[in-house]
């Protein structure tokens, strides 16, 4: 019979992975749809369209934050399920 701790670990990890992939899909697929409406705004003095800036720089920041949050939460799950006693 499989260990209950291992089953809970796998369930929590699977859930976290689904949420992370959902956020990735939001930023990778849905956010580019907002480029055209955001291009109506322009950054003064640089004459750079806001939608272009958000998709080039904002997407990189968003992906970095998603990966950082995933690693932080996965580390917490690992510590909860595989504690090594001192």
PDB file of N, CA and C in Angstrom:
ATOM      1  N   UNK A   1       0.845  -1.180   0.000  1.00  0.00           N
ATOM      2  CA  UNK A   1       0.000   0.000   0.000  1.00  0.00           C
ATOM      3  C   UNK A   1       0.895   1.250   0.000  1.00  0.00           C
ATOM      4  N   UNK A   2       0.610   2.207  -0.896  1.00  0.00           N
ATOM      5  CA  UNK A   2       1.434   3.412  -0.977  1.00  0.00           C
ATOM      6  C   UNK A   2       1.341   4.237   0.313  1.00  0.00           C
ATOM      7  N   UNK A   3       2.410   4.916   0.608  1.00  0.00           N
ATOM      8  CA  UNK A   3       2.492   5.751   1.795  1.00  0.00           C
ATOM      9  C   UNK A   3       1.533   6.944   1.661  1.00  0.00           C
ATOM     10  N   UNK A   4       0.766   7.241   2.723  1.00  0.00           N
ATOM     11  CA  UNK A   4      -0.180   8.360   2.702  1.00  0.00           C
ATOM     12  C   UNK A   4       0.547   9.691   2.552  1.00  0.00           C
ATOM     13  N   UNK A   5       1.721   9.803   3.165  1.00  0.00           N
ATOM     14  CA  UNK A   5       2.513  11.019   3.053  1.00  0.00           C
ATOM     15  C   UNK A   5       2.935  11.262   1.600  1.00  0.00           C
ATOM     16  N   UNK A   6       3.328  10.201   0.918  1.00  0.00           N
ATOM     17  CA  UNK A   6       3.734  10.321  -0.478  1.00  0.00           C
ATOM     18  C   UNK A   6       2.552  10.700  -1.365  1.00  0.00           C
ATOM     19  N   UNK A   7       1.393  10.140  -1.098  1.00  0.00           N
ATOM     20  CA  UNK A   7       0.198  10.479  -1.881  1.00  0.00           C
ATOM     21  C   UNK A   7      -0.179  11.947  -1.700  1.00  0.00           C
ATOM     22  N   UNK A   8      -0.124  12.418  -0.465  1.00  0.00           N
ATOM     23  CA  UNK A   8      -0.416  13.827  -0.199  1.00  0.00           C
ATOM     24  C   UNK A   8       0.611  14.733  -0.873  1.00  0.00           C
ATOM     25  N   UNK A   9       1.860  14.337  -0.820  1.00  0.00           N
ATOM     26  CA  UNK A   9       2.925  15.105  -1.472  1.00  0.00           C
ATOM     27  C   UNK A   9       2.668  15.218  -2.974  1.00  0.00           C
ATOM     28  N   UNK A  10       2.352  14.096  -3.590  1.00  0.00           N
ATOM     29  CA  UNK A  10       2.091  14.103  -5.034  1.00  0.00           C
ATOM     30  C   UNK A  10       0.870  14.937  -5.382  1.00  0.00           C
ATOM     31  N   UNK A  11      -0.180  14.856  -4.555  1.00  0.00           N
ATOM     32  CA  UNK A  11      -1.396  15.630  -4.806  1.00  0.00           C
ATOM     33  C   UNK A  11      -1.105  17.125  -4.713  1.00  0.00           C
ATOM     34  N   UNK A  12      -0.373  17.536  -3.681  1.00  0.00           N
ATOM     35  CA  UNK A  12      -0.039  18.954  -3.513  1.00  0.00           C
ATOM     36  C   UNK A  12       0.871  19.453  -4.631  1.00  0.00           C
ATOM     37  N   UNK A  13       1.830  18.628  -5.032  1.00  0.00           N
ATOM     38  CA  UNK A  13       2.736  19.020  -6.111  1.00  0.00           C
ATOM     39  C   UNK A  13       1.990  19.134  -7.436  1.00  0.00           C
ATOM     40  N   UNK A  14       1.092  18.201  -7.690  1.00  0.00           N
ATOM     41  CA  UNK A  14       0.290  18.243  -8.916  1.00  0.00           C
ATOM     42  C   UNK A  14      -0.587  19.490  -8.943  1.00  0.00           C
ATOM     43  N   UNK A  15      -1.192  19.814  -7.810  1.00  0.00           N
ATOM     44  CA  UNK A  15      -2.038  20.999  -7.725  1.00  0.00           C
ATOM     45  C   UNK A  15      -1.224  22.270  -7.972  1.00  0.00           C
ATOM     46  N   UNK A  16      -0.056  22.355  -7.366  1.00  0.00           N
ATOM     47  CA  UNK A  16       0.810  23.516  -7.571  1.00  0.00           C
ATOM     48  C   UNK A  16       1.243  23.628  -9.025  1.00  0.00           C
ATOM     49  N   UNK A  17       1.544  22.511  -9.646  1.00  0.00           N
ATOM     50  CA  UNK A  17       1.952  22.519 -11.050  1.00  0.00           C
ATOM     51  C   UNK A  17       0.813  23.007 -11.942  1.00  0.00           C
ATOM     52  N   UNK A  18      -0.395  22.574 -11.651  1.00  0.00           N
ATOM     53  CA  UNK A  18      -1.551  23.032 -12.446  1.00  0.00           C
ATOM     54  C   UNK A  18      -1.755  24.536 -12.323  1.00  0.00           C
ATOM     55  N   UNK A  19      -1.661  25.052 -11.114  1.00  0.00           N
ATOM     56  CA  UNK A  19      -1.820  26.497 -10.917  1.00  0.00           C
ATOM     57  C   UNK A  19      -0.722  27.260 -11.653  1.00  0.00           C
ATOM     58  N   UNK A  20       0.505  26.766 -11.568  1.00  0.00           N
ATOM     59  CA  UNK A  20       1.626  27.429 -12.238  1.00  0.00           C
ATOM     60  C   UNK A  20       1.441  27.414 -13.753  1.00  0.00           C
ATOM     61  N   UNK A  21       1.024  26.288 -14.298  1.00  0.00           N
ATOM     62  CA  UNK A  21       0.780  26.218 -15.744  1.00  0.00           C
ATOM     63  C   UNK A  21      -0.382  27.116 -16.154  1.00  0.00           C
ATOM     64  N   UNK A  22      -1.376  27.240 -15.291  1.00  0.00           N
ATOM     65  CA  UNK A  22      -2.491  28.145 -15.576  1.00  0.00           C
ATOM     66  C   UNK A  22      -2.034  29.593 -15.645  1.00  0.00           C
ATOM     67  N   UNK A  23      -1.179  29.988 -14.707  1.00  0.00           N
ATOM     68  CA  UNK A  23      -0.643  31.350 -14.741  1.00  0.00           C
ATOM     69  C   UNK A  23       0.232  31.565 -15.970  1.00  0.00           C
ATOM     70  N   UNK A  24       1.032  30.553 -16.297  1.00  0.00           N
ATOM     71  CA  UNK A  24       1.863  30.660 -17.495  1.00  0.00           C
ATOM     72  C   UNK A  24       0.987  30.850 -18.733  1.00  0.00           C
ATOM     73  N   UNK A  25      -0.103  30.071 -18.835  1.00  0.00           N
ATOM     74  CA  UNK A  25      -1.004  30.193 -19.985  1.00  0.00           C
ATOM     75  C   UNK A  25      -1.657  31.566 -20.018  1.00  0.00           C
ATOM     76  N   UNK A  26      -1.998  32.085 -18.860  1.00  0.00           N
ATOM     77  CA  UNK A  26      -2.600  33.423 -18.797  1.00  0.00           C
ATOM     78  C   UNK A  26      -1.652  34.465 -19.370  1.00  0.00           C
ATOM     79  N   UNK A  27      -0.388  34.415 -18.929  1.00  0.00           N
ATOM     80  CA  UNK A  27       0.571  35.408 -19.411  1.00  0.00           C
ATOM     81  C   UNK A  27       1.012  35.152 -20.847  1.00  0.00           C
ATOM     82  N   UNK A  28       1.081  33.894 -21.256  1.00  0.00           N
ATOM     83  CA  UNK A  28       1.602  33.577 -22.590  1.00  0.00           C
ATOM     84  C   UNK A  28       0.538  33.661 -23.673  1.00  0.00           C
ATOM     85  N   UNK A  29      -0.704  33.384 -23.342  1.00  0.00           N
ATOM     86  CA  UNK A  29      -1.744  33.325 -24.364  1.00  0.00           C
ATOM     87  C   UNK A  29      -2.714  34.494 -24.256  1.00  0.00           C
ATOM     88  N   UNK A  30      -3.198  34.768 -23.065  1.00  0.00           N
ATOM     89  CA  UNK A  30      -4.235  35.792 -22.910  1.00  0.00           C
ATOM     90  C   UNK A  30      -3.691  37.216 -22.908  1.00  0.00           C
ATOM     91  N   UNK A  31      -2.558  37.425 -22.274  1.00  0.00           N
ATOM     92  CA  UNK A  31      -2.018  38.778 -22.191  1.00  0.00           C
ATOM     93  C   UNK A  31      -1.660  39.385 -23.554  1.00  0.00           C
ATOM     94  N   UNK A  32      -1.125  38.605 -24.511  1.00  0.00           N
ATOM     95  CA  UNK A  32      -0.856  39.221 -25.814  1.00  0.00           C
ATOM     96  C   UNK A  32      -2.106  39.751 -26.523  1.00  0.00           C
ATOM     97  N   UNK A  33      -3.269  39.288 -26.114  1.00  0.00           N
ATOM     98  CA  UNK A  33      -4.509  39.817 -26.693  1.00  0.00           C
ATOM     99  C   UNK A  33      -4.745  41.267 -26.278  1.00  0.00           C
ATOM    100  N   UNK A  34      -4.098  41.696 -25.209  1.00  0.00           N
ATOM    101  CA  UNK A  34      -4.263  43.065 -24.723  1.00  0.00           C
ATOM    102  C   UNK A  34      -3.277  44.045 -25.347  1.00  0.00           C
ATOM    103  N   UNK A  35      -2.410  43.568 -26.216  1.00  0.00           N
ATOM    104  CA  UNK A  35      -1.388  44.446 -26.785  1.00  0.00           C
ATOM    105  C   UNK A  35      -2.018  45.563 -27.606  1.00  0.00           C
ATOM    106  N   UNK A  36      -2.959  45.241 -28.440  1.00  0.00           N
ATOM    107  CA  UNK A  36      -3.546  46.270 -29.315  1.00  0.00           C
ATOM    108  C   UNK A  36      -4.262  47.348 -28.500  1.00  0.00           C
ATOM    109  N   UNK A  37      -5.112  46.993 -27.519  1.00  0.00           N
ATOM    110  CA  UNK A  37      -5.715  48.079 -26.725  1.00  0.00           C
ATOM    111  C   UNK A  37      -4.684  48.873 -25.920  1.00  0.00           C
ATOM    112  N   UNK A  38      -3.644  48.209 -25.422  1.00  0.00           N
ATOM    113  CA  UNK A  38      -2.628  48.923 -24.643  1.00  0.00           C
ATOM    114  C   UNK A  38      -1.753  49.812 -25.517  1.00  0.00           C
ATOM    115  N   UNK A  39      -1.684  49.512 -26.799  1.00  0.00           N
ATOM    116  CA  UNK A  39      -0.874  50.344 -27.698  1.00  0.00           C
ATOM    117  C   UNK A  39      -1.488  51.721 -27.913  1.00  0.00           C
ATOM    118  N   UNK A  40      -2.715  51.918 -27.455  1.00  0.00           N
ATOM    119  CA  UNK A  40      -3.327  53.247 -27.542  1.00  0.00           C
ATOM    120  C   UNK A  40      -2.593  54.230 -26.630  1.00  0.00           C
ATOM    121  N   UNK A  41      -1.936  53.714 -25.607  1.00  0.00           N
ATOM    122  CA  UNK A  41      -1.160  54.560 -24.698  1.00  0.00           C
ATOM    123  C   UNK A  41       0.285  54.585 -25.152  1.00  0.00           C
ATOM    124  N   UNK A  42       0.911  55.716 -24.946  1.00  0.00           N
ATOM    125  CA  UNK A  42       2.303  55.869 -25.326  1.00  0.00           C
ATOM    126  C   UNK A  42       3.082  56.434 -24.156  1.00  0.00           C
ATOM    127  N   UNK A  43       4.318  55.992 -24.014  1.00  0.00           N
ATOM    128  CA  UNK A  43       5.170  56.498 -22.936  1.00  0.00           C
ATOM    129  C   UNK A  43       5.791  57.810 -23.411  1.00  0.00           C
ATOM    130  N   UNK A  44       5.567  58.878 -22.634  1.00  0.00           N
ATOM    131  CA  UNK A  44       6.067  60.182 -23.069  1.00  0.00           C
ATOM    132  C   UNK A  44       7.593  60.235 -23.163  1.00  0.00           C
ATOM    133  N   UNK A  45       8.082  61.084 -24.012  1.00  0.00           N
ATOM    134  CA  UNK A  45       9.500  61.371 -24.241  1.00  0.00           C
ATOM    135  C   UNK A  45      10.249  60.234 -24.941  1.00  0.00           C
ATOM    136  N   UNK A  46       9.731  59.020 -24.859  1.00  0.00           N
ATOM    137  CA  UNK A  46      10.390  57.899 -25.511  1.00  0.00           C
ATOM    138  C   UNK A  46       9.612  57.487 -26.750  1.00  0.00           C
ATOM    139  N   UNK A  47       8.332  57.848 -26.782  1.00  0.00           N
ATOM    140  CA  UNK A  47       7.415  57.512 -27.863  1.00  0.00           C
ATOM    141  C   UNK A  47       7.378  55.996 -28.096  1.00  0.00           C
ATOM    142  N   UNK A  48       7.230  55.268 -27.009  1.00  0.00           N
ATOM    143  CA  UNK A  48       7.179  53.814 -27.039  1.00  0.00           C
ATOM    144  C   UNK A  48       5.766  53.386 -26.688  1.00  0.00           C
ATOM    145  N   UNK A  49       5.211  52.496 -27.479  1.00  0.00           N
ATOM    146  CA  UNK A  49       3.854  52.038 -27.218  1.00  0.00           C
ATOM    147  C   UNK A  49       3.830  51.151 -25.983  1.00  0.00           C
ATOM    148  N   UNK A  50       2.833  51.379 -25.115  1.00  0.00           N
ATOM    149  CA  UNK A  50       2.761  50.702 -23.829  1.00  0.00           C
ATOM    150  C   UNK A  50       2.534  49.199 -23.985  1.00  0.00           C
ATOM    151  N   UNK A  51       1.728  48.778 -24.941  1.00  0.00           N
ATOM    152  CA  UNK A  51       1.477  47.351 -25.160  1.00  0.00           C
ATOM    153  C   UNK A  51       2.742  46.617 -25.554  1.00  0.00           C
ATOM    154  N   UNK A  52       3.540  47.212 -26.412  1.00  0.00           N
ATOM    155  CA  UNK A  52       4.809  46.609 -26.814  1.00  0.00           C
ATOM    156  C   UNK A  52       5.736  46.449 -25.625  1.00  0.00           C
ATOM    157  N   UNK A  53       5.823  47.488 -24.787  1.00  0.00           N
ATOM    158  CA  UNK A  53       6.678  47.434 -23.608  1.00  0.00           C
ATOM    159  C   UNK A  53       6.215  46.342 -22.643  1.00  0.00           C
ATOM    160  N   UNK A  54       4.920  46.241 -22.417  1.00  0.00           N
ATOM    161  CA  UNK A  54       4.408  45.241 -21.476  1.00  0.00           C
ATOM    162  C   UNK A  54       4.634  43.820 -21.979  1.00  0.00           C
ATOM    163  N   UNK A  55       4.569  43.610 -23.267  1.00  0.00           N
ATOM    164  CA  UNK A  55       4.765  42.255 -23.776  1.00  0.00           C
ATOM    165  C   UNK A  55       6.234  41.875 -23.853  1.00  0.00           C
ATOM    166  N   UNK A  56       7.118  42.843 -24.002  1.00  0.00           N
ATOM    167  CA  UNK A  56       8.536  42.495 -24.059  1.00  0.00           C
ATOM    168  C   UNK A  56       9.161  42.419 -22.676  1.00  0.00           C
ATOM    169  N   UNK A  57       8.891  43.398 -21.845  1.00  0.00           N
ATOM    170  CA  UNK A  57       9.507  43.430 -20.516  1.00  0.00           C
ATOM    171  C   UNK A  57       8.581  42.874 -19.442  1.00  0.00           C
ATOM    172  N   UNK A  58       7.312  43.204 -19.514  1.00  0.00           N
ATOM    173  CA  UNK A  58       6.362  42.757 -18.502  1.00  0.00           C
ATOM    174  C   UNK A  58       6.192  41.249 -18.480  1.00  0.00           C
ATOM    175  N   UNK A  59       6.211  40.614 -19.646  1.00  0.00           N
ATOM    176  CA  UNK A  59       6.066  39.162 -19.697  1.00  0.00           C
ATOM    177  C   UNK A  59       7.270  38.481 -19.061  1.00  0.00           C
ATOM    178  N   UNK A  60       8.463  39.001 -19.285  1.00  0.00           N
ATOM    179  CA  UNK A  60       9.659  38.427 -18.660  1.00  0.00           C
ATOM    180  C   UNK A  60       9.602  38.538 -17.140  1.00  0.00           C
ATOM    181  N   UNK A  61       9.156  39.669 -16.655  1.00  0.00           N
ATOM    182  CA  UNK A  61       9.034  39.858 -15.206  1.00  0.00           C
ATOM    183  C   UNK A  61       7.975  38.909 -14.655  1.00  0.00           C
ATOM    184  N   UNK A  62       6.852  38.792 -15.346  1.00  0.00           N
ATOM    185  CA  UNK A  62       5.780  37.908 -14.884  1.00  0.00           C
ATOM    186  C   UNK A  62       6.239  36.456 -14.859  1.00  0.00           C
ATOM    187  N   UNK A  63       6.901  35.988 -15.895  1.00  0.00           N
ATOM    188  CA  UNK A  63       7.389  34.611 -15.923  1.00  0.00           C
ATOM    189  C   UNK A  63       8.411  34.363 -14.817  1.00  0.00           C
ATOM    190  N   UNK A  64       9.284  35.332 -14.568  1.00  0.00           N
ATOM    191  CA  UNK A  64      10.263  35.195 -13.503  1.00  0.00           C
ATOM    192  C   UNK A  64       9.576  35.089 -12.145  1.00  0.00           C
ATOM    193  N   UNK A  65       8.559  35.905 -11.913  1.00  0.00           N
ATOM    194  CA  UNK A  65       7.833  35.845 -10.650  1.00  0.00           C
ATOM    195  C   UNK A  65       7.067  34.536 -10.489  1.00  0.00           C
ATOM    196  N   UNK A  66       6.514  34.019 -11.578  1.00  0.00           N
ATOM    197  CA  UNK A  66       5.795  32.744 -11.515  1.00  0.00           C
ATOM    198  C   UNK A  66       6.756  31.614 -11.162  1.00  0.00           C
ATOM    199  N   UNK A  67       7.925  31.588 -11.782  1.00  0.00           N
ATOM    200  CA  UNK A  67       8.903  30.539 -11.491  1.00  0.00           C
ATOM    201  C   UNK A  67       9.427  30.677 -10.065  1.00  0.00           C
ATOM    202  N   UNK A  68       9.695  31.891  -9.611  1.00  0.00           N
ATOM    203  CA  UNK A  68      10.163  32.113  -8.250  1.00  0.00           C
ATOM    204  C   UNK A  68       9.120  31.649  -7.234  1.00  0.00           C
ATOM    205  N   UNK A  69       7.850  31.976  -7.484  1.00  0.00           N
ATOM    206  CA  UNK A  69       6.786  31.564  -6.574  1.00  0.00           C
ATOM    207  C   UNK A  69       6.620  30.048  -6.564  1.00  0.00           C
ATOM    208  N   UNK A  70       6.729  29.424  -7.732  1.00  0.00           N
ATOM    209  CA  UNK A  70       6.646  27.966  -7.800  1.00  0.00           C
ATOM    210  C   UNK A  70       7.753  27.317  -6.975  1.00  0.00           C
ATOM    211  N   UNK A  71       8.972  27.799  -7.121  1.00  0.00           N
ATOM    212  CA  UNK A  71      10.102  27.222  -6.386  1.00  0.00           C
ATOM    213  C   UNK A  71       9.934  27.411  -4.882  1.00  0.00           C
ATOM    214  N   UNK A  72       9.458  28.571  -4.472  1.00  0.00           N
ATOM    215  CA  UNK A  72       9.251  28.844  -3.051  1.00  0.00           C
ATOM    216  C   UNK A  72       8.182  27.927  -2.467  1.00  0.00           C
ATOM    217  N   UNK A  73       7.071  27.791  -3.163  1.00  0.00           N
ATOM    218  CA  UNK A  73       5.990  26.928  -2.673  1.00  0.00           C
ATOM    219  C   UNK A  73       6.380  25.455  -2.715  1.00  0.00           C
ATOM    220  N   UNK A  74       7.096  25.038  -3.751  1.00  0.00           N
ATOM    221  CA  UNK A  74       7.518  23.634  -3.832  1.00  0.00           C
ATOM    222  C   UNK A  74       8.512  23.314  -2.729  1.00  0.00           C
ATOM    223  N   UNK A  75       9.368  24.251  -2.398  1.00  0.00           N
ATOM    224  CA  UNK A  75      10.300  24.044  -1.294  1.00  0.00           C
ATOM    225  C   UNK A  75       9.541  23.850   0.015  1.00  0.00           C
ATOM    226  N   UNK A  76       8.488  24.628   0.208  1.00  0.00           N
ATOM    227  CA  UNK A  76       7.676  24.475   1.416  1.00  0.00           C
ATOM    228  C   UNK A  76       6.990  23.106   1.448  1.00  0.00           C
ATOM    229  N   UNK A  77       6.481  22.653   0.319  1.00  0.00           N
ATOM    230  CA  UNK A  77       5.862  21.327   0.246  1.00  0.00           C
ATOM    231  C   UNK A  77       6.896  20.251   0.554  1.00  0.00           C
ATOM    232  N   UNK A  78       8.087  20.383  -0.025  1.00  0.00           N
ATOM    233  CA  UNK A  78       9.150  19.409   0.240  1.00  0.00           C
ATOM    234  C   UNK A  78       9.497  19.352   1.728  1.00  0.00           C
ATOM    235  N   UNK A  79       9.625  20.519   2.364  1.00  0.00           N
ATOM    236  CA  UNK A  79       9.954  20.548   3.786  1.00  0.00           C
ATOM    237  C   UNK A  79       8.840  19.952   4.639  1.00  0.00           C
ATOM    238  N   UNK A  80       7.593  20.187   4.261  1.00  0.00           N
ATOM    239  CA  UNK A  80       6.468  19.646   5.031  1.00  0.00           C
ATOM    240  C   UNK A  80       6.425  18.134   4.986  1.00  0.00           C
ATOM    241  N   UNK A  81       6.810  17.546   3.863  1.00  0.00           N
ATOM    242  CA  UNK A  81       6.642  16.100   3.688  1.00  0.00           C
ATOM    243  C   UNK A  81       7.912  15.290   3.908  1.00  0.00           C
ATOM    244  N   UNK A  82       9.052  15.917   3.795  1.00  0.00           N
ATOM    245  CA  UNK A  82      10.312  15.149   3.924  1.00  0.00           C
ATOM    246  C   UNK A  82      11.244  15.829   4.909  1.00  0.00           C
ATOM    247  N   UNK A  83      10.760  16.081   6.092  1.00  0.00           N
ATOM    248  CA  UNK A  83      11.597  16.689   7.131  1.00  0.00           C
ATOM    249  C   UNK A  83      12.656  15.714   7.574  1.00  0.00           C
ATOM    250  N   UNK A  84      13.834  16.236   7.721  1.00  0.00           N
ATOM    251  CA  UNK A  84      14.897  15.424   8.279  1.00  0.00           C
ATOM    252  C   UNK A  84      15.133  15.942   9.687  1.00  0.00           C
ATOM    253  N   UNK A  85      14.934  15.107  10.645  1.00  0.00           N
ATOM    254  CA  UNK A  85      15.094  15.514  12.037  1.00  0.00           C
ATOM    255  C   UNK A  85      16.546  15.731  12.403  1.00  0.00           C
ATOM    256  N   UNK A  86      16.782  16.735  13.219  1.00  0.00           N
ATOM    257  CA  UNK A  86      18.149  17.036  13.637  1.00  0.00           C
ATOM    258  C   UNK A  86      18.444  16.385  14.959  1.00  0.00           C
TER     259      UNK A  86
END
